[in-house]
N, C-alpha and C. Protein backbone atom coordinates (compact mmCIF):
# COMPACT_ATOMS: atom_id res chain seq x y z
N MET A 1 37.19 -2.38 26.95
CA MET A 1 37.23 -3.94 26.81
C MET A 1 35.68 -4.37 26.61
N ALA A 2 35.06 -4.09 27.56
CA ALA A 2 33.65 -4.23 27.76
C ALA A 2 32.55 -4.15 26.72
N HIS A 3 33.02 -3.15 25.67
CA HIS A 3 32.24 -2.93 24.36
C HIS A 3 32.40 -4.13 23.29
N ALA A 4 33.84 -4.27 23.33
CA ALA A 4 34.24 -5.42 22.59
C ALA A 4 33.43 -6.74 23.09
N ILE A 5 33.62 -7.26 24.34
CA ILE A 5 32.81 -8.51 24.82
C ILE A 5 31.51 -7.89 24.64
N GLU A 6 30.70 -7.22 24.44
CA GLU A 6 29.09 -6.94 24.40
C GLU A 6 29.10 -7.62 22.70
N LEU A 7 29.75 -6.73 21.79
CA LEU A 7 29.72 -6.91 20.45
C LEU A 7 30.17 -8.36 20.26
N LYS A 8 30.74 -9.10 21.03
CA LYS A 8 31.07 -10.17 20.53
C LYS A 8 29.74 -11.17 20.87
N THR A 9 29.14 -10.68 22.18
CA THR A 9 27.88 -11.45 22.57
C THR A 9 27.12 -11.23 21.86
N MET A 10 26.85 -10.08 21.08
CA MET A 10 25.93 -9.77 20.16
C MET A 10 25.57 -10.23 19.06
N LYS A 11 26.96 -10.91 18.58
CA LYS A 11 27.51 -11.40 17.40
C LYS A 11 26.97 -13.15 17.37
N LYS A 12 27.43 -13.63 18.10
CA LYS A 12 27.05 -14.60 18.57
C LYS A 12 25.40 -14.57 18.74
N HIS A 13 24.82 -13.58 19.41
CA HIS A 13 23.47 -14.02 19.86
C HIS A 13 22.84 -14.15 17.96
N LEU A 14 23.04 -13.21 17.23
CA LEU A 14 22.95 -12.49 15.87
C LEU A 14 22.68 -14.01 15.49
N GLN A 15 24.20 -14.52 15.35
CA GLN A 15 24.29 -16.15 14.20
C GLN A 15 23.40 -17.03 14.78
N ALA A 16 23.31 -16.97 16.38
CA ALA A 16 22.74 -18.28 16.83
C ALA A 16 21.14 -18.39 16.31
N LYS A 17 20.52 -16.81 16.27
CA LYS A 17 19.22 -16.45 15.79
C LYS A 17 18.89 -16.82 14.12
N ARG A 18 20.14 -16.13 13.45
CA ARG A 18 20.22 -16.71 12.07
C ARG A 18 19.84 -18.19 11.69
N LYS A 19 20.62 -18.73 12.56
CA LYS A 19 20.51 -20.57 12.14
C LYS A 19 19.27 -21.03 12.83
N GLU A 20 18.96 -20.36 13.82
CA GLU A 20 17.30 -21.14 14.13
C GLU A 20 16.20 -20.48 12.74
N VAL A 21 16.56 -19.19 12.41
CA VAL A 21 15.71 -19.06 11.39
C VAL A 21 15.93 -19.65 9.86
N MET A 22 17.19 -20.21 10.03
CA MET A 22 17.44 -21.15 8.59
C MET A 22 16.75 -22.58 8.59
N GLU A 23 16.61 -23.27 9.97
CA GLU A 23 16.40 -24.29 10.42
C GLU A 23 14.83 -24.24 10.20
N GLY A 24 14.15 -22.98 10.57
CA GLY A 24 12.58 -23.09 10.63
C GLY A 24 12.44 -22.73 8.60
N VAL A 25 13.06 -22.38 8.07
CA VAL A 25 13.04 -22.22 6.55
C VAL A 25 12.83 -23.44 6.47
N SER A 26 14.08 -24.59 6.25
CA SER A 26 14.30 -25.75 6.17
C SER A 26 13.14 -26.74 6.25
N ARG A 27 12.94 -26.72 7.81
CA ARG A 27 11.85 -27.51 8.06
C ARG A 27 10.18 -27.10 7.23
N ALA A 28 9.98 -25.63 7.10
CA ALA A 28 8.94 -25.17 5.92
C ALA A 28 9.02 -25.91 4.81
N ARG A 29 9.67 -25.72 4.36
CA ARG A 29 10.36 -26.64 2.90
C ARG A 29 9.78 -27.53 2.66
N GLU A 30 10.81 -28.34 3.97
CA GLU A 30 10.25 -29.81 4.30
C GLU A 30 8.88 -30.16 4.18
N MET A 31 7.81 -29.34 4.86
CA MET A 31 6.37 -29.69 4.82
C MET A 31 5.77 -29.65 3.82
N GLY A 32 6.22 -28.23 2.99
CA GLY A 32 5.29 -27.80 1.73
C GLY A 32 5.73 -29.33 0.60
N SER A 33 7.14 -29.59 0.71
CA SER A 33 7.39 -30.31 -0.63
C SER A 33 6.62 -32.17 0.48
N VAL A 34 6.49 -32.27 1.34
CA VAL A 34 5.76 -33.36 1.60
C VAL A 34 4.21 -33.46 1.39
N GLU A 35 3.54 -31.94 1.35
CA GLU A 35 2.71 -32.15 1.10
C GLU A 35 2.08 -32.17 -0.45
N THR A 36 2.98 -31.39 -1.12
CA THR A 36 2.99 -31.33 -2.22
C THR A 36 3.11 -32.72 -2.62
N GLU A 37 3.81 -33.49 -2.58
CA GLU A 37 4.18 -35.27 -3.01
C GLU A 37 3.27 -36.37 -2.49
N SER A 38 2.36 -36.27 -1.60
CA SER A 38 1.46 -36.61 -0.98
C SER A 38 -0.11 -36.64 -1.66
N GLY A 39 -0.08 -35.76 -2.62
CA GLY A 39 -0.97 -35.75 -3.39
C GLY A 39 -2.37 -35.98 -2.73
N ALA A 40 -3.22 -35.28 -2.61
CA ALA A 40 -4.87 -35.36 -2.05
C ALA A 40 -5.91 -35.84 -3.17
N PRO A 41 -6.24 -36.87 -2.43
CA PRO A 41 -7.44 -37.71 -3.12
C PRO A 41 -8.96 -36.61 -3.47
N ASP A 42 -9.35 -35.99 -2.33
CA ASP A 42 -10.60 -35.51 -2.25
C ASP A 42 -10.53 -33.86 -2.11
N ILE A 43 -11.57 -33.18 -2.19
CA ILE A 43 -11.66 -32.00 -2.39
C ILE A 43 -11.26 -31.20 -0.81
N ALA A 44 -11.29 -32.02 0.11
CA ALA A 44 -11.13 -31.29 1.39
C ALA A 44 -9.61 -31.57 1.84
N ASP A 45 -9.16 -32.67 1.56
CA ASP A 45 -7.74 -32.95 1.48
C ASP A 45 -6.90 -31.93 0.76
N ARG A 46 -7.36 -31.71 -0.50
CA ARG A 46 -6.55 -30.38 -1.58
C ARG A 46 -6.71 -29.19 -0.69
N ALA A 47 -8.08 -28.65 -0.54
CA ALA A 47 -7.86 -27.72 0.38
C ALA A 47 -6.81 -27.63 1.35
N THR A 48 -7.15 -28.49 2.63
CA THR A 48 -5.99 -28.39 3.50
C THR A 48 -4.44 -28.50 3.38
N SER A 49 -4.44 -29.21 2.16
CA SER A 49 -2.91 -29.40 1.38
C SER A 49 -2.78 -27.69 0.99
N ALA A 50 -3.82 -27.34 -0.15
CA ALA A 50 -3.23 -25.69 -0.13
C ALA A 50 -2.99 -24.76 0.64
N PHE A 51 -4.06 -24.66 1.76
CA PHE A 51 -3.70 -23.70 3.32
C PHE A 51 -2.65 -24.11 3.70
N GLN A 52 -1.97 -25.41 3.89
CA GLN A 52 -0.91 -25.82 4.35
C GLN A 52 0.55 -25.27 3.72
N ARG A 53 0.42 -25.17 2.49
CA ARG A 53 1.52 -24.51 1.60
C ARG A 53 1.41 -22.88 1.58
N GLU A 54 0.38 -22.61 1.74
CA GLU A 54 0.21 -20.86 1.96
C GLU A 54 0.63 -20.89 3.15
N PHE A 55 0.73 -21.08 4.15
CA PHE A 55 1.02 -21.18 5.45
C PHE A 55 2.74 -21.15 5.39
N SER A 56 3.31 -22.32 5.09
CA SER A 56 4.61 -22.19 4.75
C SER A 56 4.88 -21.45 3.90
N PHE A 57 4.77 -21.02 2.95
CA PHE A 57 4.92 -19.67 2.18
C PHE A 57 5.18 -18.44 2.77
N SER A 58 3.92 -18.17 3.20
CA SER A 58 4.27 -16.89 4.00
C SER A 58 4.90 -16.98 5.44
N LEU A 59 5.39 -18.75 6.10
CA LEU A 59 6.28 -18.67 7.12
C LEU A 59 7.91 -17.82 6.58
N SER A 60 8.03 -18.86 5.33
CA SER A 60 8.79 -18.46 4.44
C SER A 60 9.57 -16.60 4.50
N GLU A 61 8.43 -16.37 4.06
CA GLU A 61 8.37 -15.00 3.57
C GLU A 61 8.93 -14.09 4.90
N ASN A 62 8.13 -14.66 5.85
CA ASN A 62 8.30 -13.49 7.18
C ASN A 62 9.83 -14.17 7.70
N GLU A 63 10.35 -15.19 7.69
CA GLU A 63 11.42 -15.80 7.97
C GLU A 63 13.01 -15.28 7.40
N GLY A 64 12.60 -14.92 6.08
CA GLY A 64 13.45 -14.36 4.98
C GLY A 64 13.44 -12.69 4.91
N LYS A 65 12.32 -11.77 5.72
CA LYS A 65 12.53 -11.00 6.34
C LYS A 65 13.67 -10.89 7.45
N MET A 66 13.37 -11.63 8.18
CA MET A 66 14.16 -11.55 9.86
C MET A 66 15.29 -12.06 9.54
N LEU A 67 15.64 -12.89 8.49
CA LEU A 67 17.21 -13.29 7.83
C LEU A 67 17.65 -11.92 7.21
N ARG A 68 16.84 -11.58 6.71
CA ARG A 68 17.83 -10.02 6.14
C ARG A 68 18.27 -8.99 7.33
N MET A 69 17.13 -8.82 8.19
CA MET A 69 17.13 -8.08 9.15
C MET A 69 18.37 -8.59 9.67
N ILE A 70 18.66 -9.82 10.04
CA ILE A 70 19.81 -10.30 10.74
C ILE A 70 21.02 -10.01 9.99
N ASP A 71 20.72 -10.22 8.86
CA ASP A 71 22.44 -10.53 7.94
C ASP A 71 22.76 -8.67 7.82
N GLU A 72 21.69 -7.84 7.86
CA GLU A 72 22.25 -6.67 7.85
C GLU A 72 22.85 -5.78 9.17
N ALA A 73 22.18 -6.72 10.40
CA ALA A 73 22.80 -5.95 11.73
C ALA A 73 24.36 -6.61 12.00
N LEU A 74 24.46 -8.00 11.31
CA LEU A 74 25.70 -8.44 11.31
C LEU A 74 26.52 -7.35 10.20
N ALA A 75 25.87 -7.08 9.23
CA ALA A 75 27.03 -6.06 8.55
C ALA A 75 27.08 -4.79 9.34
N ARG A 76 26.18 -4.36 9.81
CA ARG A 76 26.69 -3.26 10.69
C ARG A 76 27.78 -3.56 11.75
N LEU A 77 27.63 -4.97 12.40
CA LEU A 77 28.48 -4.93 13.82
C LEU A 77 30.07 -5.07 13.18
N ASP A 78 30.04 -5.75 11.52
CA ASP A 78 31.41 -5.71 11.19
C ASP A 78 31.89 -4.27 10.40
N SER A 79 30.80 -3.77 10.27
CA SER A 79 31.57 -1.92 9.69
C SER A 79 31.73 -1.33 10.97
N GLY A 80 31.66 -1.68 12.21
CA GLY A 80 31.59 -0.93 13.04
C GLY A 80 30.15 0.37 13.32
N ARG A 81 29.23 -0.35 12.66
CA ARG A 81 27.85 0.76 12.64
C ARG A 81 27.00 0.12 13.51
N PHE A 82 27.23 -1.04 14.24
CA PHE A 82 26.01 -1.61 14.98
C PHE A 82 25.87 -0.69 16.11
N GLY A 83 24.58 -0.80 16.39
CA GLY A 83 23.81 -0.08 17.47
C GLY A 83 23.60 1.47 17.35
N THR A 84 24.01 1.74 15.85
CA THR A 84 23.19 3.24 15.67
C THR A 84 22.32 3.36 14.91
N CYS A 85 21.49 4.05 15.24
CA CYS A 85 20.18 4.08 14.24
C CYS A 85 20.30 4.66 12.71
N ILE A 86 19.84 4.12 11.93
CA ILE A 86 19.98 4.56 10.69
C ILE A 86 19.28 5.50 10.02
N HIS A 87 18.39 6.43 11.32
CA HIS A 87 17.72 7.37 10.67
C HIS A 87 18.36 8.43 11.62
N CYS A 88 18.36 8.14 12.71
CA CYS A 88 19.03 9.71 13.03
C CYS A 88 20.10 10.03 13.58
N GLU A 89 21.22 8.68 13.34
CA GLU A 89 22.41 7.88 13.49
C GLU A 89 22.72 8.15 15.18
N GLN A 90 21.88 8.33 15.89
CA GLN A 90 22.10 8.10 17.56
C GLN A 90 22.12 6.86 17.94
N PRO A 91 22.82 6.73 19.17
CA PRO A 91 22.76 5.23 19.85
C PRO A 91 21.40 4.73 19.99
N ILE A 92 21.12 3.23 19.55
CA ILE A 92 20.32 2.73 20.12
C ILE A 92 20.47 2.25 21.17
N GLU A 93 19.42 2.18 21.72
CA GLU A 93 18.84 2.34 23.95
C GLU A 93 19.48 0.65 23.57
N LYS A 94 20.41 0.68 24.81
CA LYS A 94 21.34 -0.74 24.99
C LYS A 94 20.29 -2.20 25.48
N GLN A 95 19.01 -1.48 25.88
CA GLN A 95 17.86 -2.58 26.24
C GLN A 95 17.37 -2.90 25.54
N ARG A 96 17.17 -2.02 24.01
CA ARG A 96 16.36 -2.43 23.13
C ARG A 96 17.52 -3.37 22.00
N LEU A 97 18.69 -3.12 21.93
CA LEU A 97 19.41 -4.26 21.18
C LEU A 97 19.72 -5.37 21.95
N GLN A 98 19.75 -5.54 23.27
CA GLN A 98 19.58 -6.97 24.31
C GLN A 98 18.51 -7.40 23.55
N ALA A 99 17.38 -7.07 23.88
CA ALA A 99 15.97 -7.92 23.54
C ALA A 99 15.63 -8.24 21.72
N VAL A 100 16.41 -6.81 20.95
CA VAL A 100 16.22 -6.72 19.51
C VAL A 100 17.21 -6.87 18.78
N PRO A 101 18.14 -7.55 18.65
CA PRO A 101 19.50 -7.38 18.55
C PRO A 101 19.99 -6.78 17.00
N TRP A 102 19.02 -7.17 16.18
CA TRP A 102 18.77 -6.84 14.69
C TRP A 102 18.37 -5.67 14.54
N ALA A 103 17.66 -4.94 15.62
CA ALA A 103 17.22 -3.21 15.62
C ALA A 103 17.88 -2.35 14.83
N ARG A 104 17.02 -1.58 13.86
CA ARG A 104 18.04 -1.02 12.94
C ARG A 104 17.54 0.74 13.26
N TYR A 105 16.72 1.00 14.46
CA TYR A 105 16.10 2.10 14.80
C TYR A 105 15.85 2.19 16.48
N CYS A 106 16.33 3.62 16.43
CA CYS A 106 15.94 3.88 18.24
C CYS A 106 14.65 3.87 18.31
N ILE A 107 14.04 3.62 19.61
CA ILE A 107 13.25 3.90 19.97
C ILE A 107 12.18 4.33 19.47
N ALA A 108 12.43 6.34 19.39
CA ALA A 108 11.59 7.08 18.86
C ALA A 108 12.03 7.29 17.31
N CYS A 109 12.92 6.40 16.73
CA CYS A 109 12.87 6.31 15.47
C CYS A 109 11.99 5.38 14.39
N GLN A 110 11.74 4.30 15.77
CA GLN A 110 10.96 3.40 15.33
C GLN A 110 9.34 3.50 15.26
N GLU A 111 8.94 4.64 16.45
CA GLU A 111 7.74 4.65 16.66
C GLU A 111 7.53 5.69 15.27
N LEU A 112 8.44 6.57 14.68
CA LEU A 112 7.60 6.98 13.60
C LEU A 112 7.79 6.16 12.30
N GLN A 113 8.49 4.91 12.29
CA GLN A 113 8.37 4.19 11.19
C GLN A 113 7.44 3.34 11.07
N ASP A 114 6.99 2.87 12.60
CA ASP A 114 5.45 2.19 12.72
C ASP A 114 4.64 2.72 12.32
N ARG A 115 4.38 4.37 12.32
CA ARG A 115 3.20 5.27 11.65
C ARG A 115 3.76 5.76 10.51
N GLY A 116 4.86 5.41 9.61
CA GLY A 116 5.13 5.33 8.57
C GLY A 116 5.70 6.76 8.04
N GLU A 117 6.12 7.77 9.03
CA GLU A 117 6.63 8.84 9.10
C GLU A 117 8.17 8.64 8.52
N ILE A 118 8.70 7.33 8.42
CA ILE A 118 9.95 7.55 7.73
C ILE A 118 10.16 6.63 6.90
């Protein structure tokens, strides 16, 4: 029963994080559209506007990656594979899942991933 409660808590946490990221994407898009609509009369204003659009785009790109990882974690939760490393298929450490519930790898495999070995 405790395991079911933990999974329910993880699902709520993932859904809340997903909502937070989606709101961030919406805000970034709004900022980008406001900058585009305002039009910049001089070169300095145009440069600032271009930088802000690029920043919003990179923010959206990073948030898009985060959304994919969260959605994958939710799918693993629904399929009963949540908490299992996708590389070695060993359980992911509980503390790691509490800190990063969208984690795909156990700590050992994440280190391999970071080094580009998997």
